[in-house]
Amino acid sequence: MRRLRSPSGCPWDREQTLHSLRSFLLEETYEVLDAIDRNDQAELKNELGDLLFQIVFLAEICSESDSFTISNIITAITNKLIDRHPHVFGEESGLRTPGSKPITTKEITGLWEQLKAKEKSKKGHSQSLLGSVPETLPALLRAHEIGSRVATVGFDWPRAESVINKIDEEVTELREAIANNVPISVQEEMGDFLFSIANLSRKLGVDPETALRQANRKFCSRFAQVERKLQSRGRTIHKSTPEELEGLWDEVKKSETED
């Protein structure tokens, strides 16, 4: 990377900045997620390499301004992992004593948030529980993370069924907003509805982004089969009636059930 960024290196690599690499970092992250979703280990290896390259690239740019190096990054995350896992690395944590029950995942999550809050306090940062949830996260994922954060302090629905009741309430309010034909209210109620859906996913232990990606993939696969059926009949998607498309869609779904 140093050679690529050197005066005798690659012009494209030399022109890149922290901001210009943002889109590449995001793209590589999603390609890693796609490989994981498809359980393609060979492709995952390649995509993780591409993602690692982006991290090395960003670190090299920062090292050129004497901000930090890749070694500083590795040292910092190593220290953070040790500090945030006193139940594993701490000699006097008191979290695991002979004969006591193992610490639960819920307790670990709560401890993690407490330790993060202390770290921010020492640095003079805001101690708001939600202050560090990145606004750049996809909205559905951010809603899931917000719900997870407040749940660590007990601000949560008791059961998944309680969230379903909340969703029913939001659907009613959305219907009313649509009936009143107020666009701003419709958008607000739609947002509340999606926020509740994200929290239902969390309560069920389902990652909403993964679930929605799978649903998108399934829909695209089924629609492609509809297109192929039409093509085999000498017809096109643009000259088909809604009823014909719906009938073929039902055929595709039925064939999946039979398989």
C-alpha atoms as a PDB file:
ATOM      1  CA  MET A   1       0.000   0.000   0.000  1.00  0.00           C
ATOM      2  CA  ARG A   2       2.885   2.324   0.738  1.00  0.00           C
ATOM      3  CA  ARG A   3       4.337   1.567  -2.679  1.00  0.00           C
ATOM      4  CA  LEU A   4       0.986   2.155  -4.373  1.00  0.00           C
ATOM      5  CA  ARG A   5       0.740   5.541  -2.609  1.00  0.00           C
ATOM      6  CA  SER A   6       4.363   6.502  -3.317  1.00  0.00           C
ATOM      7  CA  PRO A   7       5.404   8.988  -6.051  1.00  0.00           C
ATOM      8  CA  SER A   8       6.304   6.022  -8.263  1.00  0.00           C
ATOM      9  CA  GLY A   9       3.087   4.189  -7.427  1.00  0.00           C
ATOM     10  CA  CYS A  10      -0.393   4.117  -8.973  1.00  0.00           C
ATOM     11  CA  PRO A  11      -1.938   7.499  -9.890  1.00  0.00           C
ATOM     12  CA  TRP A  12      -5.433   6.309  -8.910  1.00  0.00           C
ATOM     13  CA  ASP A  13      -4.333   5.082  -5.479  1.00  0.00           C
ATOM     14  CA  ARG A  14      -2.403   8.298  -4.864  1.00  0.00           C
ATOM     15  CA  GLU A  15      -5.468  10.415  -5.608  1.00  0.00           C
ATOM     16  CA  GLN A  16      -7.719   8.680  -3.068  1.00  0.00           C
ATOM     17  CA  THR A  17      -8.736  10.320   0.209  1.00  0.00           C
ATOM     18  CA  LEU A  18     -10.596   9.184   3.302  1.00  0.00           C
ATOM     19  CA  HIS A  19     -13.815  10.570   1.841  1.00  0.00           C
ATOM     20  CA  SER A  20     -13.356   9.109  -1.643  1.00  0.00           C
ATOM     21  CA  LEU A  21     -12.931   5.624  -0.159  1.00  0.00           C
ATOM     22  CA  ARG A  22     -16.193   5.715   1.817  1.00  0.00           C
ATOM     23  CA  SER A  23     -18.282   4.244  -1.001  1.00  0.00           C
ATOM     24  CA  PHE A  24     -15.733   1.486  -1.655  1.00  0.00           C
ATOM     25  CA  LEU A  25     -15.654   0.566   2.033  1.00  0.00           C
ATOM     26  CA  LEU A  26     -19.456   0.316   2.104  1.00  0.00           C
ATOM     27  CA  GLU A  27     -19.547  -1.702  -1.130  1.00  0.00           C
ATOM     28  CA  GLU A  28     -16.975  -4.206   0.121  1.00  0.00           C
ATOM     29  CA  THR A  29     -18.856  -4.565   3.409  1.00  0.00           C
ATOM     30  CA  TYR A  30     -22.066  -5.481   1.601  1.00  0.00           C
ATOM     31  CA  GLU A  31     -20.206  -7.936  -0.625  1.00  0.00           C
ATOM     32  CA  VAL A  32     -18.905  -9.665   2.518  1.00  0.00           C
ATOM     33  CA  LEU A  33     -22.470  -9.859   3.843  1.00  0.00           C
ATOM     34  CA  ASP A  34     -23.670 -11.276   0.536  1.00  0.00           C
ATOM     35  CA  ALA A  35     -21.032 -14.031   0.641  1.00  0.00           C
ATOM     36  CA  ILE A  36     -22.061 -14.861   4.215  1.00  0.00           C
ATOM     37  CA  ASP A  37     -25.753 -14.981   3.269  1.00  0.00           C
ATOM     38  CA  ARG A  38     -24.957 -17.358   0.390  1.00  0.00           C
ATOM     39  CA  ASN A  39     -22.652 -19.424   2.646  1.00  0.00           C
ATOM     40  CA  ASP A  40     -19.967 -19.174  -0.040  1.00  0.00           C
ATOM     41  CA  GLN A  41     -16.760 -19.730   1.924  1.00  0.00           C
ATOM     42  CA  ALA A  42     -14.441 -19.336  -1.072  1.00  0.00           C
ATOM     43  CA  GLU A  43     -16.028 -16.027  -2.032  1.00  0.00           C
ATOM     44  CA  LEU A  44     -16.090 -14.927   1.616  1.00  0.00           C
ATOM     45  CA  LYS A  45     -12.314 -15.362   1.768  1.00  0.00           C
ATOM     46  CA  ASN A  46     -11.913 -13.112  -1.268  1.00  0.00           C
ATOM     47  CA  GLU A  47     -14.385 -10.491  -0.046  1.00  0.00           C
ATOM     48  CA  LEU A  48     -12.795 -10.348   3.411  1.00  0.00           C
ATOM     49  CA  GLY A  49      -9.497  -9.695   1.656  1.00  0.00           C
ATOM     50  CA  ASP A  50     -11.069  -6.829  -0.282  1.00  0.00           C
ATOM     51  CA  LEU A  51     -12.511  -5.408   2.933  1.00  0.00           C
ATOM     52  CA  LEU A  52      -9.169  -5.754   4.704  1.00  0.00           C
ATOM     53  CA  PHE A  53      -7.526  -3.902   1.825  1.00  0.00           C
ATOM     54  CA  GLN A  54      -9.868  -0.949   2.387  1.00  0.00           C
ATOM     55  CA  ILE A  55      -8.894  -0.851   6.061  1.00  0.00           C
ATOM     56  CA  VAL A  56      -5.183  -0.964   5.192  1.00  0.00           C
ATOM     57  CA  PHE A  57      -5.757   1.746   2.565  1.00  0.00           C
ATOM     58  CA  LEU A  58      -7.478   4.051   5.061  1.00  0.00           C
ATOM     59  CA  ALA A  59      -4.806   3.399   7.686  1.00  0.00           C
ATOM     60  CA  GLU A  60      -2.033   4.215   5.223  1.00  0.00           C
ATOM     61  CA  ILE A  61      -3.623   7.550   4.340  1.00  0.00           C
ATOM     62  CA  CYS A  62      -3.832   8.404   8.034  1.00  0.00           C
ATOM     63  CA  SER A  63      -0.247   7.349   8.641  1.00  0.00           C
ATOM     64  CA  GLU A  64       0.896   9.791   5.946  1.00  0.00           C
ATOM     65  CA  SER A  65      -0.402  12.651   8.085  1.00  0.00           C
ATOM     66  CA  ASP A  66       1.167  11.086  11.225  1.00  0.00           C
ATOM     67  CA  SER A  67      -2.295  10.467  12.708  1.00  0.00           C
ATOM     68  CA  PHE A  68      -1.930   6.718  13.341  1.00  0.00           C
ATOM     69  CA  THR A  69      -0.723   3.510  11.702  1.00  0.00           C
ATOM     70  CA  ILE A  70      -2.196   0.055  11.110  1.00  0.00           C
ATOM     71  CA  SER A  71      -0.184  -1.138  14.118  1.00  0.00           C
ATOM     72  CA  ASN A  72      -1.887   1.481  16.296  1.00  0.00           C
ATOM     73  CA  ILE A  73      -5.269   0.211  15.110  1.00  0.00           C
ATOM     74  CA  ILE A  74      -4.450  -3.402  15.994  1.00  0.00           C
ATOM     75  CA  THR A  75      -3.039  -2.433  19.394  1.00  0.00           C
ATOM     76  CA  ALA A  76      -6.088  -0.302  20.193  1.00  0.00           C
ATOM     77  CA  ILE A  77      -8.623  -3.024  19.341  1.00  0.00           C
ATOM     78  CA  THR A  78      -6.612  -5.615  21.280  1.00  0.00           C
ATOM     79  CA  ASN A  79      -6.639  -3.419  24.388  1.00  0.00           C
ATOM     80  CA  LYS A  80     -10.335  -2.663  23.933  1.00  0.00           C
ATOM     81  CA  LEU A  81     -11.248  -6.361  23.698  1.00  0.00           C
ATOM     82  CA  ILE A  82      -9.329  -7.080  26.907  1.00  0.00           C
ATOM     83  CA  ASP A  83     -10.844  -4.108  28.768  1.00  0.00           C
ATOM     84  CA  ARG A  84     -14.395  -4.940  27.667  1.00  0.00           C
ATOM     85  CA  HIS A  85     -14.162  -8.599  28.627  1.00  0.00           C
ATOM     86  CA  PRO A  86     -13.267  -8.507  32.336  1.00  0.00           C
ATOM     87  CA  HIS A  87     -15.244 -11.738  32.763  1.00  0.00           C
ATOM     88  CA  VAL A  88     -12.631 -13.393  30.533  1.00  0.00           C
ATOM     89  CA  PHE A  89      -9.398 -11.452  31.106  1.00  0.00           C
ATOM     90  CA  GLY A  90     -10.024  -9.713  34.474  1.00  0.00           C
ATOM     91  CA  GLU A  91      -8.504 -11.474  37.479  1.00  0.00           C
ATOM     92  CA  GLU A  92     -10.799  -9.800  40.030  1.00  0.00           C
ATOM     93  CA  SER A  93     -13.966  -9.265  38.011  1.00  0.00           C
ATOM     94  CA  GLY A  94     -16.130 -11.319  40.353  1.00  0.00           C
ATOM     95  CA  LEU A  95     -18.330 -12.259  37.426  1.00  0.00           C
ATOM     96  CA  ARG A  96     -17.297 -15.892  37.406  1.00  0.00           C
ATOM     97  CA  THR A  97     -16.563 -17.574  40.729  1.00  0.00           C
ATOM     98  CA  PRO A  98     -16.278 -21.293  41.506  1.00  0.00           C
ATOM     99  CA  GLY A  99     -19.729 -22.815  41.717  1.00  0.00           C
ATOM    100  CA  SER A 100     -21.518 -19.756  40.340  1.00  0.00           C
ATOM    101  CA  LYS A 101     -23.645 -19.714  37.223  1.00  0.00           C
ATOM    102  CA  PRO A 102     -21.870 -18.720  33.999  1.00  0.00           C
ATOM    103  CA  ILE A 103     -22.424 -15.112  32.973  1.00  0.00           C
ATOM    104  CA  THR A 104     -25.276 -14.824  30.482  1.00  0.00           C
ATOM    105  CA  THR A 105     -25.228 -13.121  27.089  1.00  0.00           C
ATOM    106  CA  LYS A 106     -27.720 -10.551  28.390  1.00  0.00           C
ATOM    107  CA  GLU A 107     -25.429  -9.711  31.315  1.00  0.00           C
ATOM    108  CA  ILE A 108     -22.456  -9.440  28.976  1.00  0.00           C
ATOM    109  CA  THR A 109     -24.340  -7.020  26.713  1.00  0.00           C
ATOM    110  CA  GLY A 110     -25.273  -4.848  29.689  1.00  0.00           C
ATOM    111  CA  LEU A 111     -21.690  -4.897  30.955  1.00  0.00           C
ATOM    112  CA  TRP A 112     -20.419  -3.965  27.478  1.00  0.00           C
ATOM    113  CA  GLU A 113     -22.674  -0.881  27.363  1.00  0.00           C
ATOM    114  CA  GLN A 114     -21.598   0.175  30.858  1.00  0.00           C
ATOM    115  CA  LEU A 115     -17.936  -0.118  29.954  1.00  0.00           C
ATOM    116  CA  LYS A 116     -18.452   1.830  26.737  1.00  0.00           C
ATOM    117  CA  ALA A 117     -20.216   4.602  28.688  1.00  0.00           C
ATOM    118  CA  LYS A 118     -17.280   4.804  31.129  1.00  0.00           C
ATOM    119  CA  GLU A 119     -14.821   5.020  28.240  1.00  0.00           C
ATOM    120  CA  LYS A 120     -16.773   7.897  26.697  1.00  0.00           C
ATOM    121  CA  SER A 121     -16.981   9.650  30.057  1.00  0.00           C
ATOM    122  CA  LYS A 122     -13.196   9.497  30.454  1.00  0.00           C
ATOM    123  CA  LYS A 123     -12.801  10.965  26.964  1.00  0.00           C
ATOM    124  CA  GLY A 124     -15.297  13.730  27.722  1.00  0.00           C
ATOM    125  CA  HIS A 125     -17.825  12.396  25.220  1.00  0.00           C
ATOM    126  CA  SER A 126     -21.591  12.301  25.631  1.00  0.00           C
ATOM    127  CA  GLN A 127     -22.776   9.502  27.898  1.00  0.00           C
ATOM    128  CA  SER A 128     -26.088   9.218  26.066  1.00  0.00           C
ATOM    129  CA  LEU A 129     -26.902   5.569  25.544  1.00  0.00           C
ATOM    130  CA  LEU A 130     -27.880   6.209  21.940  1.00  0.00           C
ATOM    131  CA  GLY A 131     -25.290   8.875  21.183  1.00  0.00           C
ATOM    132  CA  SER A 132     -22.892   6.467  19.501  1.00  0.00           C
ATOM    133  CA  VAL A 133     -25.394   4.717  17.228  1.00  0.00           C
ATOM    134  CA  PRO A 134     -24.150   5.838  13.781  1.00  0.00           C
ATOM    135  CA  GLU A 135     -26.685   7.792  11.754  1.00  0.00           C
ATOM    136  CA  THR A 136     -25.055   6.411   8.617  1.00  0.00           C
ATOM    137  CA  LEU A 137     -26.319   2.887   9.364  1.00  0.00           C
ATOM    138  CA  PRO A 138     -29.115   1.619   7.103  1.00  0.00           C
ATOM    139  CA  ALA A 139     -32.321   2.842   8.744  1.00  0.00           C
ATOM    140  CA  LEU A 140     -33.689  -0.644   9.454  1.00  0.00           C
ATOM    141  CA  LEU A 141     -30.416  -1.760  11.039  1.00  0.00           C
ATOM    142  CA  ARG A 142     -30.190   1.457  13.074  1.00  0.00           C
ATOM    143  CA  ALA A 143     -33.712   0.914  14.414  1.00  0.00           C
ATOM    144  CA  HIS A 144     -32.667  -2.603  15.455  1.00  0.00           C
ATOM    145  CA  GLU A 145     -29.544  -1.232  17.178  1.00  0.00           C
ATOM    146  CA  ILE A 146     -31.476   1.516  18.974  1.00  0.00           C
ATOM    147  CA  GLY A 147     -33.878  -1.081  20.346  1.00  0.00           C
ATOM    148  CA  SER A 148     -30.979  -3.291  21.421  1.00  0.00           C
ATOM    149  CA  ARG A 149     -29.268  -0.432  23.245  1.00  0.00           C
ATOM    150  CA  VAL A 150     -32.280   0.689  25.271  1.00  0.00           C
ATOM    151  CA  ALA A 151     -33.144  -2.930  26.049  1.00  0.00           C
ATOM    152  CA  THR A 152     -29.893  -3.232  28.012  1.00  0.00           C
ATOM    153  CA  VAL A 153     -31.328  -0.837  30.622  1.00  0.00           C
ATOM    154  CA  GLY A 154     -34.716  -2.552  30.727  1.00  0.00           C
ATOM    155  CA  PHE A 155     -36.573  -0.177  28.378  1.00  0.00           C
ATOM    156  CA  ASP A 156     -38.160  -2.862  26.246  1.00  0.00           C
ATOM    157  CA  TRP A 157     -41.313  -4.824  25.520  1.00  0.00           C
ATOM    158  CA  PRO A 158     -41.616  -7.866  27.808  1.00  0.00           C
ATOM    159  CA  ARG A 159     -42.378 -10.332  24.991  1.00  0.00           C
ATOM    160  CA  ALA A 160     -42.506 -10.548  21.222  1.00  0.00           C
ATOM    161  CA  GLU A 161     -46.316 -10.728  21.464  1.00  0.00           C
ATOM    162  CA  SER A 162     -46.273  -7.253  23.020  1.00  0.00           C
ATOM    163  CA  VAL A 163     -44.473  -5.889  19.963  1.00  0.00           C
ATOM    164  CA  ILE A 164     -47.041  -7.542  17.686  1.00  0.00           C
ATOM    165  CA  ASN A 165     -49.765  -5.698  19.595  1.00  0.00           C
ATOM    166  CA  LYS A 166     -47.821  -2.483  19.057  1.00  0.00           C
ATOM    167  CA  ILE A 167     -47.575  -3.267  15.331  1.00  0.00           C
ATOM    168  CA  ASP A 168     -51.357  -3.753  15.187  1.00  0.00           C
ATOM    169  CA  GLU A 169     -51.715  -0.334  16.822  1.00  0.00           C
ATOM    170  CA  GLU A 170     -49.342   1.256  14.300  1.00  0.00           C
ATOM    171  CA  VAL A 171     -51.220  -0.332  11.377  1.00  0.00           C
ATOM    172  CA  THR A 172     -54.458   1.211  12.667  1.00  0.00           C
ATOM    173  CA  GLU A 173     -52.820   4.642  12.910  1.00  0.00           C
ATOM    174  CA  LEU A 174     -51.344   4.213   9.431  1.00  0.00           C
ATOM    175  CA  ARG A 175     -54.768   3.359   8.003  1.00  0.00           C
ATOM    176  CA  GLU A 176     -56.200   6.497   9.624  1.00  0.00           C
ATOM    177  CA  ALA A 177     -53.418   8.663   8.194  1.00  0.00           C
ATOM    178  CA  ILE A 178     -54.002   7.219   4.721  1.00  0.00           C
ATOM    179  CA  ALA A 179     -57.758   7.779   5.026  1.00  0.00           C
ATOM    180  CA  ASN A 180     -57.172  11.407   6.063  1.00  0.00           C
ATOM    181  CA  ASN A 181     -54.837  11.830   3.064  1.00  0.00           C
ATOM    182  CA  VAL A 182     -52.124  13.732   4.977  1.00  0.00           C
ATOM    183  CA  PRO A 183     -48.739  12.824   3.387  1.00  0.00           C
ATOM    184  CA  ILE A 184     -46.663  13.982   6.355  1.00  0.00           C
ATOM    185  CA  SER A 185     -48.731  11.894   8.758  1.00  0.00           C
ATOM    186  CA  VAL A 186     -48.544   8.888   6.433  1.00  0.00           C
ATOM    187  CA  GLN A 187     -44.750   9.113   6.356  1.00  0.00           C
ATOM    188  CA  GLU A 188     -44.549   9.462  10.135  1.00  0.00           C
ATOM    189  CA  GLU A 189     -46.872   6.532  10.780  1.00  0.00           C
ATOM    190  CA  MET A 190     -45.040   4.433   8.189  1.00  0.00           C
ATOM    191  CA  GLY A 191     -41.819   5.164  10.060  1.00  0.00           C
ATOM    192  CA  ASP A 192     -43.370   4.103  13.375  1.00  0.00           C
ATOM    193  CA  PHE A 193     -44.622   0.915  11.729  1.00  0.00           C
ATOM    194  CA  LEU A 194     -41.172   0.033  10.334  1.00  0.00           C
ATOM    195  CA  PHE A 195     -39.525   0.855  13.672  1.00  0.00           C
ATOM    196  CA  SER A 196     -41.879  -1.591  15.402  1.00  0.00           C
ATOM    197  CA  ILE A 197     -41.123  -4.240  12.755  1.00  0.00           C
ATOM    198  CA  ALA A 198     -37.382  -3.830  13.399  1.00  0.00           C
ATOM    199  CA  ASN A 199     -37.958  -4.320  17.115  1.00  0.00           C
ATOM    200  CA  LEU A 200     -40.104  -7.388  16.538  1.00  0.00           C
ATOM    201  CA  SER A 201     -37.185  -8.851  14.579  1.00  0.00           C
ATOM    202  CA  ARG A 202     -34.908  -8.098  17.516  1.00  0.00           C
ATOM    203  CA  LYS A 203     -37.247  -9.747  20.026  1.00  0.00           C
ATOM    204  CA  LEU A 204     -37.421 -12.838  17.790  1.00  0.00           C
ATOM    205  CA  GLY A 205     -33.642 -12.960  17.432  1.00  0.00           C
ATOM    206  CA  VAL A 206     -33.822 -12.197  13.711  1.00  0.00           C
ATOM    207  CA  ASP A 207     -31.496  -9.711  12.023  1.00  0.00           C
ATOM    208  CA  PRO A 208     -33.895  -7.483  10.019  1.00  0.00           C
ATOM    209  CA  GLU A 209     -31.353  -6.593   7.317  1.00  0.00           C
ATOM    210  CA  THR A 210     -30.575 -10.270   6.703  1.00  0.00           C
ATOM    211  CA  ALA A 211     -34.260 -11.205   6.704  1.00  0.00           C
ATOM    212  CA  LEU A 212     -35.108  -8.441   4.237  1.00  0.00           C
ATOM    213  CA  ARG A 213     -32.171  -9.309   1.970  1.00  0.00           C
ATOM    214  CA  GLN A 214     -33.390 -12.913   1.896  1.00  0.00           C
ATOM    215  CA  ALA A 215     -36.926 -11.760   1.104  1.00  0.00           C
ATOM    216  CA  ASN A 216     -35.598  -9.545  -1.713  1.00  0.00           C
ATOM    217  CA  ARG A 217     -33.566 -12.433  -3.100  1.00  0.00           C
ATOM    218  CA  LYS A 218     -36.582 -14.786  -2.955  1.00  0.00           C
ATOM    219  CA  PHE A 219     -38.831 -12.254  -4.693  1.00  0.00           C
ATOM    220  CA  CYS A 220     -36.279 -11.651  -7.470  1.00  0.00           C
ATOM    221  CA  SER A 221     -35.842 -15.397  -7.974  1.00  0.00           C
ATOM    222  CA  ARG A 222     -39.584 -15.976  -8.250  1.00  0.00           C
ATOM    223  CA  PHE A 223     -40.083 -13.043 -10.591  1.00  0.00           C
ATOM    224  CA  ALA A 224     -37.269 -14.310 -12.828  1.00  0.00           C
ATOM    225  CA  GLN A 225     -39.104 -17.640 -13.046  1.00  0.00           C
ATOM    226  CA  VAL A 226     -42.281 -15.803 -14.043  1.00  0.00           C
ATOM    227  CA  GLU A 227     -40.326 -14.068 -16.811  1.00  0.00           C
ATOM    228  CA  ARG A 228     -38.915 -17.369 -18.032  1.00  0.00           C
ATOM    229  CA  LYS A 229     -42.395 -18.916 -18.127  1.00  0.00           C
ATOM    230  CA  LEU A 230     -43.635 -16.002 -20.207  1.00  0.00           C
ATOM    231  CA  GLN A 231     -40.651 -16.250 -22.523  1.00  0.00           C
ATOM    232  CA  SER A 232     -41.329 -19.956 -23.084  1.00  0.00           C
ATOM    233  CA  ARG A 233     -44.832 -18.982 -24.191  1.00  0.00           C
ATOM    234  CA  GLY A 234     -43.553 -16.338 -26.570  1.00  0.00           C
ATOM    235  CA  ARG A 235     -44.787 -13.473 -24.414  1.00  0.00           C
ATOM    236  CA  THR A 236     -43.103 -10.534 -22.701  1.00  0.00           C
ATOM    237  CA  ILE A 237     -43.519  -9.122 -19.225  1.00  0.00           C
ATOM    238  CA  HIS A 238     -44.622  -5.752 -20.623  1.00  0.00           C
ATOM    239  CA  LYS A 239     -47.523  -7.182 -22.638  1.00  0.00           C
ATOM    240  CA  SER A 240     -48.869  -9.414 -19.876  1.00  0.00           C
ATOM    241  CA  THR A 241     -51.948  -8.600 -17.816  1.00  0.00           C
ATOM    242  CA  PRO A 242     -51.817  -8.286 -14.010  1.00  0.00           C
ATOM    243  CA  GLU A 243     -54.040 -11.373 -13.779  1.00  0.00           C
ATOM    244  CA  GLU A 244     -51.646 -13.373 -15.949  1.00  0.00           C
ATOM    245  CA  LEU A 245     -48.649 -12.316 -13.865  1.00  0.00           C
ATOM    246  CA  GLU A 246     -50.473 -13.215 -10.640  1.00  0.00           C
ATOM    247  CA  GLY A 247     -51.386 -16.637 -12.035  1.00  0.00           C
ATOM    248  CA  LEU A 248     -47.794 -17.395 -13.016  1.00  0.00           C
ATOM    249  CA  TRP A 249     -46.596 -16.140  -9.634  1.00  0.00           C
ATOM    250  CA  ASP A 250     -48.913 -18.619  -7.912  1.00  0.00           C
ATOM    251  CA  GLU A 251     -47.567 -21.395 -10.182  1.00  0.00           C
ATOM    252  CA  VAL A 252     -44.007 -20.592  -9.138  1.00  0.00           C
ATOM    253  CA  LYS A 253     -44.903 -20.576  -5.441  1.00  0.00           C
ATOM    254  CA  LYS A 254     -46.797 -23.860  -5.798  1.00  0.00           C
ATOM    255  CA  SER A 255     -43.842 -25.511  -7.559  1.00  0.00           C
ATOM    256  CA  GLU A 256     -41.567 -24.462  -4.668  1.00  0.00           C
ATOM    257  CA  THR A 257     -43.926 -26.135  -2.188  1.00  0.00           C
ATOM    258  CA  GLU A 258     -44.012 -29.327  -4.221  1.00  0.00           C
ATOM    259  CA  ASP A 259     -40.207 -29.411  -4.427  1.00  0.00           C
END
